All heavy atoms as atom14 arrays in JSON, in Angstrom:
{
  "sequence": "DSMGWYRQAPGKQRELVALISTGGRTNFADSVKGRFTISRDNAKNT",
  "atom14_mask": [
    [1, 1, 1, 1, 1, 1, 1, 1, 0, 0, 0, 0, 0, 0],
    [1, 1, 1, 1, 1, 1, 0, 0, 0, 0, 0, 0, 0, 0],
    [1, 1, 1, 1, 1, 1, 1, 1, 0, 0, 0, 0, 0, 0],
    [1, 1, 1, 1, 0, 0, 0, 0, 0, 0, 0, 0, 0, 0],
    [1, 1, 1, 1, 1, 1, 1, 1, 1, 1, 1, 1, 1, 1],
    [1, 1, 1, 1, 1, 1, 1, 1, 1, 1, 1, 1, 0, 0],
    [1, 1, 1, 1, 1, 1, 1, 1, 1, 1, 1, 0, 0, 0],
    [1, 1, 1, 1, 1, 1, 1, 1, 1, 0, 0, 0, 0, 0],
    [1, 1, 1, 1, 1, 0, 0, 0, 0, 0, 0, 0, 0, 0],
    [1, 1, 1, 1, 1, 1, 1, 0, 0, 0, 0, 0, 0, 0],
    [1, 1, 1, 1, 0, 0, 0, 0, 0, 0, 0, 0, 0, 0],
    [1, 1, 1, 1, 1, 1, 1, 1, 1, 0, 0, 0, 0, 0],
    [1, 1, 1, 1, 1, 1, 1, 1, 1, 0, 0, 0, 0, 0],
    [1, 1, 1, 1, 1, 1, 1, 1, 1, 1, 1, 0, 0, 0],
    [1, 1, 1, 1, 1, 1, 1, 1, 1, 0, 0, 0, 0, 0],
    [1, 1, 1, 1, 1, 1, 1, 1, 0, 0, 0, 0, 0, 0],
    [1, 1, 1, 1, 1, 1, 1, 0, 0, 0, 0, 0, 0, 0],
    [1, 1, 1, 1, 1, 0, 0, 0, 0, 0, 0, 0, 0, 0],
    [1, 1, 1, 1, 1, 1, 1, 1, 0, 0, 0, 0, 0, 0],
    [1, 1, 1, 1, 1, 1, 1, 1, 0, 0, 0, 0, 0, 0],
    [1, 1, 1, 1, 1, 1, 0, 0, 0, 0, 0, 0, 0, 0],
    [1, 1, 1, 1, 1, 1, 1, 0, 0, 0, 0, 0, 0, 0],
    [1, 1, 1, 1, 0, 0, 0, 0, 0, 0, 0, 0, 0, 0],
    [1, 1, 1, 1, 0, 0, 0, 0, 0, 0, 0, 0, 0, 0],
    [1, 1, 1, 1, 1, 1, 1, 1, 1, 1, 1, 0, 0, 0],
    [1, 1, 1, 1, 1, 1, 1, 0, 0, 0, 0, 0, 0, 0],
    [1, 1, 1, 1, 1, 1, 1, 1, 0, 0, 0, 0, 0, 0],
    [1, 1, 1, 1, 1, 1, 1, 1, 1, 1, 1, 0, 0, 0],
    [1, 1, 1, 1, 1, 0, 0, 0, 0, 0, 0, 0, 0, 0],
    [1, 1, 1, 1, 1, 1, 1, 1, 0, 0, 0, 0, 0, 0],
    [1, 1, 1, 1, 1, 1, 0, 0, 0, 0, 0, 0, 0, 0],
    [1, 1, 1, 1, 1, 1, 1, 0, 0, 0, 0, 0, 0, 0],
    [1, 1, 1, 1, 1, 1, 1, 1, 1, 0, 0, 0, 0, 0],
    [1, 1, 1, 1, 0, 0, 0, 0, 0, 0, 0, 0, 0, 0],
    [1, 1, 1, 1, 1, 1, 1, 1, 1, 1, 1, 0, 0, 0],
    [1, 1, 1, 1, 1, 1, 1, 1, 1, 1, 1, 0, 0, 0],
    [1, 1, 1, 1, 1, 1, 1, 0, 0, 0, 0, 0, 0, 0],
    [1, 1, 1, 1, 1, 1, 1, 1, 0, 0, 0, 0, 0, 0],
    [1, 1, 1, 1, 1, 1, 0, 0, 0, 0, 0, 0, 0, 0],
    [1, 1, 1, 1, 1, 1, 1, 1, 1, 1, 1, 0, 0, 0],
    [1, 1, 1, 1, 1, 1, 1, 1, 0, 0, 0, 0, 0, 0],
    [1, 1, 1, 1, 1, 1, 1, 1, 0, 0, 0, 0, 0, 0],
    [1, 1, 1, 1, 1, 0, 0, 0, 0, 0, 0, 0, 0, 0],
    [1, 1, 1, 1, 1, 1, 1, 1, 1, 0, 0, 0, 0, 0],
    [1, 1, 1, 1, 1, 1, 1, 1, 0, 0, 0, 0, 0, 0],
    [1, 1, 1, 1, 1, 1, 1, 0, 0, 0, 0, 0, 0, 0]
  ],
  "atom14_positions": [
    [[99.76, 89.18, 102.44], [98.51, 88.42, 102.4], [97.72, 88.66, 101.11], [97.41, 87.71, 100.4], [97.65, 88.66, 103.64], [97.37, 90.12, 103.93], [97.6, 90.97, 103.05], [96.9, 90.41, 105.05], [0.0, 0.0, 0.0], [0.0, 0.0, 0.0], [0.0, 0.0, 0.0], [0.0, 0.0, 0.0], [0.0, 0.0, 0.0], [0.0, 0.0, 0.0]],
    [[97.42, 89.91, 100.78], [96.69, 90.21, 99.55], [97.57, 90.95, 98.56], [98.4, 91.77, 98.94], [95.45, 91.05, 99.84], [94.54, 90.35, 100.68], [0.0, 0.0, 0.0], [0.0, 0.0, 0.0], [0.0, 0.0, 0.0], [0.0, 0.0, 0.0], [0.0, 0.0, 0.0], [0.0, 0.0, 0.0], [0.0, 0.0, 0.0], [0.0, 0.0, 0.0]],
    [[97.38, 90.67, 97.27], [98.01, 91.43, 96.2], [96.96, 91.69, 95.14], [95.95, 90.98, 95.05], [99.19, 90.68, 95.59], [100.32, 90.38, 96.55], [101.78, 89.67, 95.75], [102.48, 91.15, 94.97], [0.0, 0.0, 0.0], [0.0, 0.0, 0.0], [0.0, 0.0, 0.0], [0.0, 0.0, 0.0], [0.0, 0.0, 0.0], [0.0, 0.0, 0.0]],
    [[97.19, 92.71, 94.32], [96.22, 92.99, 93.29], [96.6, 94.15, 92.4], [97.75, 94.61, 92.39], [0.0, 0.0, 0.0], [0.0, 0.0, 0.0], [0.0, 0.0, 0.0], [0.0, 0.0, 0.0], [0.0, 0.0, 0.0], [0.0, 0.0, 0.0], [0.0, 0.0, 0.0], [0.0, 0.0, 0.0], [0.0, 0.0, 0.0], [0.0, 0.0, 0.0]],
    [[95.59, 94.6, 91.65], [95.79, 95.65, 90.67], [94.67, 96.68, 90.75], [93.49, 96.32, 90.87], [95.81, 95.07, 89.25], [96.95, 94.13, 89.03], [96.97, 92.79, 89.24], [98.25, 94.48, 88.55], [98.21, 92.27, 88.93], [99.0, 93.29, 88.49], [98.84, 95.68, 88.15], [100.33, 93.27, 88.06], [100.15, 95.66, 87.72], [100.88, 94.47, 87.68]],
    [[95.06, 97.93, 90.69], [94.15, 99.06, 90.55], [94.53, 99.81, 89.29], [95.63, 99.63, 88.76], [94.22, 99.99, 91.76], [93.64, 99.41, 93.03], [94.28, 98.4, 93.73], [92.43, 99.89, 93.54], [93.75, 97.87, 94.9], [91.9, 99.37, 94.7], [92.56, 98.37, 95.38], [92.02, 97.86, 96.54], [0.0, 0.0, 0.0], [0.0, 0.0, 0.0]],
    [[93.63, 100.66, 88.81], [93.95, 101.46, 87.64], [93.34, 102.84, 87.77], [92.35, 103.04, 88.47], [93.48, 100.79, 86.35], [91.97, 100.7, 86.19], [91.61, 99.87, 84.97], [90.17, 99.79, 84.77], [89.58, 99.01, 83.87], [90.32, 98.25, 83.06], [88.26, 99.0, 83.74], [0.0, 0.0, 0.0], [0.0, 0.0, 0.0], [0.0, 0.0, 0.0]],
    [[93.94, 103.8, 87.06], [93.44, 105.16, 87.04], [93.51, 105.69, 85.62], [94.59, 105.79, 85.04], [94.24, 106.06, 87.98], [93.66, 107.45, 88.12], [94.26, 108.23, 89.28], [95.34, 107.89, 89.76], [93.57, 109.25, 89.72], [0.0, 0.0, 0.0], [0.0, 0.0, 0.0], [0.0, 0.0, 0.0], [0.0, 0.0, 0.0], [0.0, 0.0, 0.0]],
    [[92.35, 106.01, 85.07], [92.24, 106.58, 83.74], [92.27, 108.1, 83.84], [91.97, 108.67, 84.89], [90.96, 106.12, 83.06], [0.0, 0.0, 0.0], [0.0, 0.0, 0.0], [0.0, 0.0, 0.0], [0.0, 0.0, 0.0], [0.0, 0.0, 0.0], [0.0, 0.0, 0.0], [0.0, 0.0, 0.0], [0.0, 0.0, 0.0], [0.0, 0.0, 0.0]],
    [[92.62, 108.79, 82.74], [92.65, 110.26, 82.77], [91.32, 110.85, 83.21], [90.26, 110.48, 82.7], [92.97, 110.63, 81.32], [93.7, 109.44, 80.79], [93.06, 108.26, 81.44], [0.0, 0.0, 0.0], [0.0, 0.0, 0.0], [0.0, 0.0, 0.0], [0.0, 0.0, 0.0], [0.0, 0.0, 0.0], [0.0, 0.0, 0.0], [0.0, 0.0, 0.0]],
    [[91.37, 111.75, 84.17], [90.18, 112.43, 84.64], [89.29, 111.61, 85.56], [88.21, 112.07, 85.92], [0.0, 0.0, 0.0], [0.0, 0.0, 0.0], [0.0, 0.0, 0.0], [0.0, 0.0, 0.0], [0.0, 0.0, 0.0], [0.0, 0.0, 0.0], [0.0, 0.0, 0.0], [0.0, 0.0, 0.0], [0.0, 0.0, 0.0], [0.0, 0.0, 0.0]],
    [[89.73, 110.41, 85.93], [88.93, 109.55, 86.79], [89.7, 109.14, 88.04], [90.92, 109.25, 88.09], [88.48, 108.3, 86.02], [87.58, 108.58, 84.83], [87.11, 107.29, 84.19], [86.17, 107.57, 83.04], [85.69, 106.31, 82.41], [0.0, 0.0, 0.0], [0.0, 0.0, 0.0], [0.0, 0.0, 0.0], [0.0, 0.0, 0.0], [0.0, 0.0, 0.0]],
    [[88.97, 108.67, 89.03], [89.58, 108.2, 90.27], [90.13, 106.79, 90.09], [89.71, 106.03, 89.22], [88.57, 108.23, 91.41], [88.09, 109.61, 91.8], [87.2, 109.59, 93.02], [86.84, 108.54, 93.53], [86.85, 110.77, 93.5], [0.0, 0.0, 0.0], [0.0, 0.0, 0.0], [0.0, 0.0, 0.0], [0.0, 0.0, 0.0], [0.0, 0.0, 0.0]],
    [[91.08, 106.45, 90.95], [91.63, 105.1, 90.95], [90.54, 104.1, 91.32], [89.74, 104.34, 92.22], [92.79, 105.02, 91.94], [93.51, 103.68, 91.96], [94.65, 103.71, 92.97], [94.15, 103.95, 94.31], [94.92, 104.14, 95.38], [96.24, 104.11, 95.26], [94.37, 104.36, 96.56], [0.0, 0.0, 0.0], [0.0, 0.0, 0.0], [0.0, 0.0, 0.0]],
    [[90.52, 102.96, 90.62], [89.52, 101.95, 90.88], [90.14, 100.56, 90.96], [91.17, 100.29, 90.35], [88.45, 101.96, 89.78], [88.96, 101.58, 88.4], [87.87, 101.51, 87.36], [86.68, 101.67, 87.71], [88.2, 101.3, 86.17], [0.0, 0.0, 0.0], [0.0, 0.0, 0.0], [0.0, 0.0, 0.0], [0.0, 0.0, 0.0], [0.0, 0.0, 0.0]],
    [[89.49, 99.7, 91.71], [89.92, 98.31, 91.84], [89.72, 97.57, 90.52], [88.67, 97.69, 89.89], [89.13, 97.62, 92.94], [89.31, 96.1, 93.06], [90.72, 95.77, 93.56], [88.26, 95.51, 93.98], [0.0, 0.0, 0.0], [0.0, 0.0, 0.0], [0.0, 0.0, 0.0], [0.0, 0.0, 0.0], [0.0, 0.0, 0.0], [0.0, 0.0, 0.0]],
    [[90.72, 96.78, 90.13], [90.61, 95.89, 88.98], [90.44, 94.45, 89.46], [89.48, 93.77, 89.09], [91.82, 96.0, 88.05], [91.69, 95.02, 86.88], [91.97, 97.43, 87.54], [0.0, 0.0, 0.0], [0.0, 0.0, 0.0], [0.0, 0.0, 0.0], [0.0, 0.0, 0.0], [0.0, 0.0, 0.0], [0.0, 0.0, 0.0], [0.0, 0.0, 0.0]],
    [[91.38, 93.97, 90.26], [91.34, 92.59, 90.74], [92.22, 92.44, 91.97], [93.24, 93.11, 92.1], [91.79, 91.61, 89.66], [0.0, 0.0, 0.0], [0.0, 0.0, 0.0], [0.0, 0.0, 0.0], [0.0, 0.0, 0.0], [0.0, 0.0, 0.0], [0.0, 0.0, 0.0], [0.0, 0.0, 0.0], [0.0, 0.0, 0.0], [0.0, 0.0, 0.0]],
    [[91.82, 91.54, 92.87], [92.59, 91.2, 94.06], [92.69, 89.69, 94.17], [91.8, 88.96, 93.73], [91.93, 91.74, 95.33], [91.91, 93.26, 95.53], [91.08, 93.59, 96.77], [93.32, 93.8, 95.68], [0.0, 0.0, 0.0], [0.0, 0.0, 0.0], [0.0, 0.0, 0.0], [0.0, 0.0, 0.0], [0.0, 0.0, 0.0], [0.0, 0.0, 0.0]],
    [[93.77, 89.22, 94.8], [93.94, 87.8, 95.05], [94.58, 87.6, 96.42], [95.53, 88.29, 96.79], [94.77, 87.13, 93.94], [94.84, 85.61, 94.15], [96.16, 87.75, 93.83], [95.38, 84.86, 92.94], [0.0, 0.0, 0.0], [0.0, 0.0, 0.0], [0.0, 0.0, 0.0], [0.0, 0.0, 0.0], [0.0, 0.0, 0.0], [0.0, 0.0, 0.0]],
    [[94.06, 86.67, 97.19], [94.59, 86.37, 98.51], [95.72, 85.36, 98.4], [95.96, 84.77, 97.35], [93.48, 85.81, 99.41], [93.11, 84.51, 99.0], [0.0, 0.0, 0.0], [0.0, 0.0, 0.0], [0.0, 0.0, 0.0], [0.0, 0.0, 0.0], [0.0, 0.0, 0.0], [0.0, 0.0, 0.0], [0.0, 0.0, 0.0], [0.0, 0.0, 0.0]],
    [[96.41, 85.14, 99.52], [97.47, 84.14, 99.54], [96.93, 82.76, 99.18], [97.61, 81.98, 98.5], [98.13, 84.09, 100.93], [98.66, 85.38, 101.25], [99.27, 83.07, 100.96], [0.0, 0.0, 0.0], [0.0, 0.0, 0.0], [0.0, 0.0, 0.0], [0.0, 0.0, 0.0], [0.0, 0.0, 0.0], [0.0, 0.0, 0.0], [0.0, 0.0, 0.0]],
    [[95.71, 82.47, 99.6], [95.09, 81.19, 99.3], [94.49, 81.07, 97.92], [94.0, 80.0, 97.55], [0.0, 0.0, 0.0], [0.0, 0.0, 0.0], [0.0, 0.0, 0.0], [0.0, 0.0, 0.0], [0.0, 0.0, 0.0], [0.0, 0.0, 0.0], [0.0, 0.0, 0.0], [0.0, 0.0, 0.0], [0.0, 0.0, 0.0], [0.0, 0.0, 0.0]],
    [[94.51, 82.15, 97.13], [94.05, 82.1, 95.76], [92.63, 82.58, 95.51], [92.14, 82.49, 94.39], [0.0, 0.0, 0.0], [0.0, 0.0, 0.0], [0.0, 0.0, 0.0], [0.0, 0.0, 0.0], [0.0, 0.0, 0.0], [0.0, 0.0, 0.0], [0.0, 0.0, 0.0], [0.0, 0.0, 0.0], [0.0, 0.0, 0.0], [0.0, 0.0, 0.0]],
    [[91.96, 83.09, 96.53], [90.63, 83.64, 96.32], [90.74, 84.99, 95.62], [91.62, 85.78, 95.92], [89.89, 83.8, 97.64], [89.62, 82.47, 98.32], [88.72, 82.63, 99.51], [88.42, 81.34, 100.13], [87.56, 81.16, 101.12], [86.92, 82.2, 101.63], [87.36, 79.96, 101.6], [0.0, 0.0, 0.0], [0.0, 0.0, 0.0], [0.0, 0.0, 0.0]],
    [[89.82, 85.25, 94.68], [89.92, 86.43, 93.83], [88.65, 87.27, 93.86], [87.56, 86.78, 94.12], [90.21, 86.03, 92.38], [89.15, 85.19, 91.89], [91.52, 85.28, 92.28], [0.0, 0.0, 0.0], [0.0, 0.0, 0.0], [0.0, 0.0, 0.0], [0.0, 0.0, 0.0], [0.0, 0.0, 0.0], [0.0, 0.0, 0.0], [0.0, 0.0, 0.0]],
    [[88.82, 88.55, 93.56], [87.73, 89.49, 93.35], [88.04, 90.31, 92.12], [89.19, 90.72, 91.92], [87.55, 90.42, 94.56], [87.01, 89.71, 95.77], [86.01, 89.02, 95.71], [87.67, 89.89, 96.91], [0.0, 0.0, 0.0], [0.0, 0.0, 0.0], [0.0, 0.0, 0.0], [0.0, 0.0, 0.0], [0.0, 0.0, 0.0], [0.0, 0.0, 0.0]],
    [[87.02, 90.56, 91.3], [87.18, 91.33, 90.07], [86.16, 92.45, 90.0], [85.02, 92.3, 90.46], [87.01, 90.46, 88.83], [88.07, 89.42, 88.66], [87.89, 88.14, 89.16], [89.24, 89.71, 87.97], [88.86, 87.17, 89.0], [90.22, 88.74, 87.8], [90.03, 87.48, 88.32], [0.0, 0.0, 0.0], [0.0, 0.0, 0.0], [0.0, 0.0, 0.0]],
    [[86.56, 93.54, 89.37], [85.59, 94.56, 89.02], [84.64, 94.01, 87.97], [85.03, 93.21, 87.11], [86.3, 95.8, 88.47], [0.0, 0.0, 0.0], [0.0, 0.0, 0.0], [0.0, 0.0, 0.0], [0.0, 0.0, 0.0], [0.0, 0.0, 0.0], [0.0, 0.0, 0.0], [0.0, 0.0, 0.0], [0.0, 0.0, 0.0], [0.0, 0.0, 0.0]],
    [[83.38, 94.43, 88.03], [82.39, 93.94, 87.06], [82.82, 94.22, 85.63], [82.53, 93.43, 84.72], [81.04, 94.58, 87.33], [80.37, 94.05, 88.59], [80.75, 92.96, 89.05], [79.46, 94.72, 89.09], [0.0, 0.0, 0.0], [0.0, 0.0, 0.0], [0.0, 0.0, 0.0], [0.0, 0.0, 0.0], [0.0, 0.0, 0.0], [0.0, 0.0, 0.0]],
    [[83.5, 95.32, 85.4], [83.87, 95.73, 84.06], [84.9, 94.81, 83.4], [85.07, 94.85, 82.19], [84.39, 97.17, 84.06], [85.53, 97.28, 84.88], [0.0, 0.0, 0.0], [0.0, 0.0, 0.0], [0.0, 0.0, 0.0], [0.0, 0.0, 0.0], [0.0, 0.0, 0.0], [0.0, 0.0, 0.0], [0.0, 0.0, 0.0], [0.0, 0.0, 0.0]],
    [[85.6, 93.99, 84.2], [86.64, 93.13, 83.64], [86.35, 91.65, 83.81], [87.13, 90.82, 83.31], [88.03, 93.45, 84.25], [88.35, 94.93, 84.09], [88.09, 93.03, 85.71], [0.0, 0.0, 0.0], [0.0, 0.0, 0.0], [0.0, 0.0, 0.0], [0.0, 0.0, 0.0], [0.0, 0.0, 0.0], [0.0, 0.0, 0.0], [0.0, 0.0, 0.0]],
    [[85.27, 91.3, 84.48], [84.93, 89.89, 84.66], [84.77, 89.19, 83.32], [84.13, 89.71, 82.41], [83.65, 89.75, 85.48], [83.81, 90.07, 86.95], [82.51, 89.88, 87.71], [82.69, 90.17, 89.18], [81.41, 90.05, 89.93], [0.0, 0.0, 0.0], [0.0, 0.0, 0.0], [0.0, 0.0, 0.0], [0.0, 0.0, 0.0], [0.0, 0.0, 0.0]],
    [[85.37, 88.01, 83.21], [85.31, 87.26, 81.98], [86.39, 87.62, 80.99], [86.56, 86.9, 79.99], [0.0, 0.0, 0.0], [0.0, 0.0, 0.0], [0.0, 0.0, 0.0], [0.0, 0.0, 0.0], [0.0, 0.0, 0.0], [0.0, 0.0, 0.0], [0.0, 0.0, 0.0], [0.0, 0.0, 0.0], [0.0, 0.0, 0.0], [0.0, 0.0, 0.0]],
    [[87.12, 88.7, 81.23], [88.17, 89.14, 80.32], [89.56, 89.09, 80.97], [90.54, 88.8, 80.3], [87.91, 90.55, 79.81], [86.61, 90.69, 79.03], [86.51, 92.06, 78.37], [86.48, 93.14, 79.35], [87.38, 94.13, 79.41], [88.38, 94.17, 78.54], [87.26, 95.09, 80.32], [0.0, 0.0, 0.0], [0.0, 0.0, 0.0], [0.0, 0.0, 0.0]],
    [[89.62, 89.4, 82.27], [90.9, 89.45, 82.98], [91.02, 88.27, 83.93], [90.02, 87.79, 84.49], [91.02, 90.74, 83.79], [91.17, 92.0, 82.99], [91.0, 92.02, 81.62], [91.49, 93.19, 83.63], [91.13, 93.19, 80.89], [91.63, 94.37, 82.92], [91.45, 94.37, 81.55], [0.0, 0.0, 0.0], [0.0, 0.0, 0.0], [0.0, 0.0, 0.0]],
    [[92.26, 87.83, 84.15], [92.56, 86.78, 85.11], [93.72, 87.22, 85.98], [94.71, 87.75, 85.47], [92.92, 85.46, 84.4], [91.82, 85.03, 83.59], [93.22, 84.37, 85.43], [0.0, 0.0, 0.0], [0.0, 0.0, 0.0], [0.0, 0.0, 0.0], [0.0, 0.0, 0.0], [0.0, 0.0, 0.0], [0.0, 0.0, 0.0], [0.0, 0.0, 0.0]],
    [[93.6, 87.01, 87.29], [94.68, 87.34, 88.21], [95.24, 86.05, 88.81], [94.5, 85.11, 89.09], [94.21, 88.31, 89.31], [95.4, 88.82, 90.13], [93.16, 87.67, 90.21], [95.04, 89.98, 91.06], [0.0, 0.0, 0.0], [0.0, 0.0, 0.0], [0.0, 0.0, 0.0], [0.0, 0.0, 0.0], [0.0, 0.0, 0.0], [0.0, 0.0, 0.0]],
    [[96.55, 86.01, 89.0], [97.21, 84.86, 89.61], [98.43, 85.35, 90.38], [98.84, 86.5, 90.25], [97.61, 83.83, 88.55], [98.51, 84.39, 87.61], [0.0, 0.0, 0.0], [0.0, 0.0, 0.0], [0.0, 0.0, 0.0], [0.0, 0.0, 0.0], [0.0, 0.0, 0.0], [0.0, 0.0, 0.0], [0.0, 0.0, 0.0], [0.0, 0.0, 0.0]],
    [[99.02, 84.47, 91.19], [100.2, 84.86, 91.95], [101.11, 83.67, 92.22], [100.67, 82.51, 92.19], [99.8, 85.52, 93.28], [99.1, 84.59, 94.27], [98.59, 85.35, 95.48], [99.68, 85.82, 96.34], [99.51, 86.63, 97.38], [98.31, 87.1, 97.68], [100.56, 87.0, 98.11], [0.0, 0.0, 0.0], [0.0, 0.0, 0.0], [0.0, 0.0, 0.0]],
    [[102.36, 83.99, 92.48], [103.37, 83.03, 92.89], [103.82, 83.48, 94.27], [104.6, 84.43, 94.4], [104.53, 83.0, 91.9], [105.56, 81.94, 92.22], [105.69, 81.55, 93.4], [106.24, 81.48, 91.28], [0.0, 0.0, 0.0], [0.0, 0.0, 0.0], [0.0, 0.0, 0.0], [0.0, 0.0, 0.0], [0.0, 0.0, 0.0], [0.0, 0.0, 0.0]],
    [[103.34, 82.81, 95.31], [103.63, 83.23, 96.68], [105.12, 83.15, 97.0], [105.65, 84.0, 97.72], [102.85, 82.38, 97.67], [101.36, 82.64, 97.61], [100.92, 83.72, 97.23], [100.57, 81.66, 98.01], [0.0, 0.0, 0.0], [0.0, 0.0, 0.0], [0.0, 0.0, 0.0], [0.0, 0.0, 0.0], [0.0, 0.0, 0.0], [0.0, 0.0, 0.0]],
    [[105.8, 82.14, 96.48], [107.22, 81.98, 96.75], [108.04, 83.13, 96.19], [109.1, 83.46, 96.72], [107.72, 80.66, 96.18], [0.0, 0.0, 0.0], [0.0, 0.0, 0.0], [0.0, 0.0, 0.0], [0.0, 0.0, 0.0], [0.0, 0.0, 0.0], [0.0, 0.0, 0.0], [0.0, 0.0, 0.0], [0.0, 0.0, 0.0], [0.0, 0.0, 0.0]],
    [[107.56, 83.76, 95.12], [108.27, 84.87, 94.48], [107.68, 86.23, 94.83], [108.16, 87.25, 94.34], [108.27, 84.69, 92.97], [109.0, 83.45, 92.48], [108.95, 83.36, 90.97], [109.69, 82.14, 90.46], [109.64, 82.03, 88.99], [0.0, 0.0, 0.0], [0.0, 0.0, 0.0], [0.0, 0.0, 0.0], [0.0, 0.0, 0.0], [0.0, 0.0, 0.0]],
    [[106.63, 86.25, 95.66], [105.93, 87.5, 95.98], [105.57, 88.27, 94.71], [105.76, 89.48, 94.62], [106.77, 88.37, 96.91], [106.86, 87.81, 98.31], [105.88, 87.33, 98.87], [108.05, 87.86, 98.9], [0.0, 0.0, 0.0], [0.0, 0.0, 0.0], [0.0, 0.0, 0.0], [0.0, 0.0, 0.0], [0.0, 0.0, 0.0], [0.0, 0.0, 0.0]],
    [[105.04, 87.54, 93.75], [104.72, 88.1, 92.44], [103.26, 87.86, 92.09], [102.73, 86.78, 92.34], [105.62, 87.48, 91.36], [107.0, 87.76, 91.67], [105.31, 88.06, 89.98], [0.0, 0.0, 0.0], [0.0, 0.0, 0.0], [0.0, 0.0, 0.0], [0.0, 0.0, 0.0], [0.0, 0.0, 0.0], [0.0, 0.0, 0.0], [0.0, 0.0, 0.0]]
  ]
}
């Protein structure tokens, strides 16, 4: 149903970067809004 990306920098906790639902709804961390784009291919689970 949902896929996305998290990241972990040295000395820091893992944080959300972006999520996308099967229907294409997205959420972004404030730090990456306007710079990052998330997309998916449901048929390829990618």
